[in-house]
Amino acid sequence: MIGIGGLGHMALKFLNAWGCEVTAFTSTASKKKEVLSLGAHHMSNSRDENEIKSAAGRFDYILSTVAKMLDFANLHQIKPEIEKFKFTDINKAIERLRSGEARYRVVLCR
């Protein structure tokens, strides 16, 4: 699993619910605790050449997107991590996105 953004964090939850042993690759080493809490079993820093070399040949995976994925998410209570902002706070929401600190989706609510 490479990339722990908006879709990536959901993939961690799906793969964990499927019983997969998940290694997450991220360029942000400070995300380790967070990545593990989202379902990864291991994390590798994609900017560390030695970690990338040591990962060579260790993984087999199949990524499949099927029409009944929403049913699977509902069955296992897999939901996205979001931050809610009121429409009147749209500038705060945009600032949060631009800072790169949003986890993982910003949602505007009435």
C-alpha atoms as a PDB file:
ATOM      1  CA  MET A   1       0.000   0.000   0.000  1.00  0.00           C
ATOM      2  CA  ILE A   2       1.615   3.222  -1.151  1.00  0.00           C
ATOM      3  CA  GLY A   3       0.222   6.591  -0.121  1.00  0.00           C
ATOM      4  CA  ILE A   4      -1.842   7.210   2.987  1.00  0.00           C
ATOM      5  CA  GLY A   5      -3.971  10.104   1.785  1.00  0.00           C
ATOM      6  CA  GLY A   6      -7.712  10.293   1.311  1.00  0.00           C
ATOM      7  CA  LEU A   7      -8.073   6.966  -0.492  1.00  0.00           C
ATOM      8  CA  GLY A   8      -4.985   5.371   1.004  1.00  0.00           C
ATOM      9  CA  HIS A   9      -6.252   5.493   4.559  1.00  0.00           C
ATOM     10  CA  MET A  10      -9.431   3.767   3.396  1.00  0.00           C
ATOM     11  CA  ALA A  11      -7.371   1.071   1.669  1.00  0.00           C
ATOM     12  CA  LEU A  12      -5.584   0.381   4.966  1.00  0.00           C
ATOM     13  CA  LYS A  13      -8.933  -0.241   6.620  1.00  0.00           C
ATOM     14  CA  PHE A  14     -10.148  -2.476   3.777  1.00  0.00           C
ATOM     15  CA  LEU A  15      -6.979  -4.549   3.638  1.00  0.00           C
ATOM     16  CA  ASN A  16      -6.948  -4.993   7.402  1.00  0.00           C
ATOM     17  CA  ALA A  17     -10.618  -6.070   7.419  1.00  0.00           C
ATOM     18  CA  TRP A  18      -9.781  -8.632   4.711  1.00  0.00           C
ATOM     19  CA  GLY A  19      -7.159 -10.078   7.039  1.00  0.00           C
ATOM     20  CA  CYS A  20      -4.179  -8.989   4.954  1.00  0.00           C
ATOM     21  CA  GLU A  21      -0.801  -8.253   6.482  1.00  0.00           C
ATOM     22  CA  VAL A  22      -0.338  -4.665   5.379  1.00  0.00           C
ATOM     23  CA  THR A  23       2.836  -2.672   4.899  1.00  0.00           C
ATOM     24  CA  ALA A  24       2.222   1.006   4.261  1.00  0.00           C
ATOM     25  CA  PHE A  25       4.740   3.116   2.378  1.00  0.00           C
ATOM     26  CA  THR A  26       4.719   6.810   3.184  1.00  0.00           C
ATOM     27  CA  SER A  27       7.144   9.655   2.698  1.00  0.00           C
ATOM     28  CA  THR A  28       6.221  11.045   6.120  1.00  0.00           C
ATOM     29  CA  ALA A  29       7.895   9.003   8.866  1.00  0.00           C
ATOM     30  CA  SER A  30       6.006  10.928  11.548  1.00  0.00           C
ATOM     31  CA  LYS A  31       2.778   9.219  10.412  1.00  0.00           C
ATOM     32  CA  LYS A  32       3.879   5.817  11.765  1.00  0.00           C
ATOM     33  CA  LYS A  33       1.627   5.720  14.857  1.00  0.00           C
ATOM     34  CA  GLU A  34      -1.306   6.987  12.815  1.00  0.00           C
ATOM     35  CA  VAL A  35      -0.726   4.547   9.954  1.00  0.00           C
ATOM     36  CA  LEU A  36      -0.572   1.617  12.358  1.00  0.00           C
ATOM     37  CA  SER A  37      -3.787   2.739  14.057  1.00  0.00           C
ATOM     38  CA  LEU A  38      -5.530   2.770  10.663  1.00  0.00           C
ATOM     39  CA  GLY A  39      -4.718  -0.876  10.009  1.00  0.00           C
ATOM     40  CA  ALA A  40      -1.175  -1.213   8.726  1.00  0.00           C
ATOM     41  CA  HIS A  41       1.001  -3.822  10.400  1.00  0.00           C
ATOM     42  CA  HIS A  42       4.266  -2.289   9.184  1.00  0.00           C
ATOM     43  CA  MET A  43       5.389   1.030   7.756  1.00  0.00           C
ATOM     44  CA  SER A  44       8.277   1.851   5.471  1.00  0.00           C
ATOM     45  CA  ASN A  45       9.596   5.298   4.703  1.00  0.00           C
ATOM     46  CA  SER A  46       9.515   5.652   0.923  1.00  0.00           C
ATOM     47  CA  ARG A  47      12.293   8.269   1.098  1.00  0.00           C
ATOM     48  CA  ASP A  48      14.697   5.860   2.796  1.00  0.00           C
ATOM     49  CA  GLU A  49      16.652   4.034   0.095  1.00  0.00           C
ATOM     50  CA  ASN A  50      17.665   1.211   2.470  1.00  0.00           C
ATOM     51  CA  GLU A  51      14.056   0.545   3.494  1.00  0.00           C
ATOM     52  CA  ILE A  52      13.009   0.414  -0.160  1.00  0.00           C
ATOM     53  CA  LYS A  53      15.825  -2.001  -1.022  1.00  0.00           C
ATOM     54  CA  SER A  54      14.990  -4.272   1.922  1.00  0.00           C
ATOM     55  CA  ALA A  55      11.352  -4.432   0.777  1.00  0.00           C
ATOM     56  CA  ALA A  56      12.222  -5.761  -2.682  1.00  0.00           C
ATOM     57  CA  GLY A  57      10.573  -9.099  -3.442  1.00  0.00           C
ATOM     58  CA  ARG A  58       8.621  -9.259  -0.144  1.00  0.00           C
ATOM     59  CA  PHE A  59       5.112  -8.457  -1.344  1.00  0.00           C
ATOM     60  CA  ASP A  60       2.333 -10.067  -3.356  1.00  0.00           C
ATOM     61  CA  TYR A  61      -0.923  -8.176  -3.779  1.00  0.00           C
ATOM     62  CA  ILE A  62      -4.062  -7.833  -5.835  1.00  0.00           C
ATOM     63  CA  LEU A  63      -6.000  -4.586  -5.910  1.00  0.00           C
ATOM     64  CA  SER A  64      -9.545  -5.071  -7.099  1.00  0.00           C
ATOM     65  CA  THR A  65     -12.357  -2.524  -7.223  1.00  0.00           C
ATOM     66  CA  VAL A  66     -15.777  -4.161  -7.412  1.00  0.00           C
ATOM     67  CA  ALA A  67     -19.347  -2.785  -7.504  1.00  0.00           C
ATOM     68  CA  LYS A  68     -20.219  -4.257  -4.018  1.00  0.00           C
ATOM     69  CA  MET A  69     -17.283  -2.467  -2.158  1.00  0.00           C
ATOM     70  CA  LEU A  70     -19.807  -0.222  -0.345  1.00  0.00           C
ATOM     71  CA  ASP A  71     -21.578  -3.301   1.036  1.00  0.00           C
ATOM     72  CA  PHE A  72     -18.247  -4.614   2.330  1.00  0.00           C
ATOM     73  CA  ALA A  73     -17.496  -1.249   3.990  1.00  0.00           C
ATOM     74  CA  ASN A  74     -20.906  -1.241   5.630  1.00  0.00           C
ATOM     75  CA  LEU A  75     -20.537  -4.831   6.842  1.00  0.00           C
ATOM     76  CA  HIS A  76     -17.189  -4.052   8.509  1.00  0.00           C
ATOM     77  CA  GLN A  77     -18.054  -0.492   9.574  1.00  0.00           C
ATOM     78  CA  ILE A  78     -15.237   0.954   7.444  1.00  0.00           C
ATOM     79  CA  LYS A  79     -15.666   4.712   7.301  1.00  0.00           C
ATOM     80  CA  PRO A  80     -13.383   7.529   6.170  1.00  0.00           C
ATOM     81  CA  GLU A  81     -11.578   9.759   8.638  1.00  0.00           C
ATOM     82  CA  ILE A  82     -12.940  13.269   8.153  1.00  0.00           C
ATOM     83  CA  GLU A  83     -12.732  16.745   9.618  1.00  0.00           C
ATOM     84  CA  LYS A  84     -15.968  18.711   9.568  1.00  0.00           C
ATOM     85  CA  PHE A  85     -16.184  22.460   9.030  1.00  0.00           C
ATOM     86  CA  LYS A  86     -19.237  24.687   8.819  1.00  0.00           C
ATOM     87  CA  PHE A  87     -19.740  26.513   5.514  1.00  0.00           C
ATOM     88  CA  THR A  88     -19.118  29.752   7.403  1.00  0.00           C
ATOM     89  CA  ASP A  89     -15.657  28.403   8.287  1.00  0.00           C
ATOM     90  CA  ILE A  90     -14.679  27.638   4.691  1.00  0.00           C
ATOM     91  CA  ASN A  91     -11.510  29.734   4.945  1.00  0.00           C
ATOM     92  CA  LYS A  92     -10.367  27.659   7.951  1.00  0.00           C
ATOM     93  CA  ALA A  93     -11.106  24.481   5.965  1.00  0.00           C
ATOM     94  CA  ILE A  94      -9.083  25.700   2.987  1.00  0.00           C
ATOM     95  CA  GLU A  95      -6.232  26.710   5.284  1.00  0.00           C
ATOM     96  CA  ARG A  96      -6.263  23.226   6.811  1.00  0.00           C
ATOM     97  CA  LEU A  97      -6.062  21.628   3.367  1.00  0.00           C
ATOM     98  CA  ARG A  98      -3.252  23.899   2.201  1.00  0.00           C
ATOM     99  CA  SER A  99      -1.246  23.203   5.357  1.00  0.00           C
ATOM    100  CA  GLY A 100      -1.218  19.492   4.530  1.00  0.00           C
ATOM    101  CA  GLU A 101      -2.420  18.688   8.038  1.00  0.00           C
ATOM    102  CA  ALA A 102      -5.976  17.634   7.124  1.00  0.00           C
ATOM    103  CA  ARG A 103      -6.727  14.065   8.182  1.00  0.00           C
ATOM    104  CA  TYR A 104      -7.900  12.794   5.669  1.00  0.00           C
ATOM    105  CA  ARG A 105     -10.838  14.512   4.108  1.00  0.00           C
ATOM    106  CA  VAL A 106     -12.284  17.921   4.853  1.00  0.00           C
ATOM    107  CA  VAL A 107     -16.085  18.008   4.776  1.00  0.00           C
ATOM    108  CA  LEU A 108     -18.207  21.159   4.724  1.00  0.00           C
ATOM    109  CA  CYS A 109     -21.436  20.851   6.723  1.00  0.00           C
ATOM    110  CA  ARG A 110     -24.504  23.038   7.038  1.00  0.00           C
END
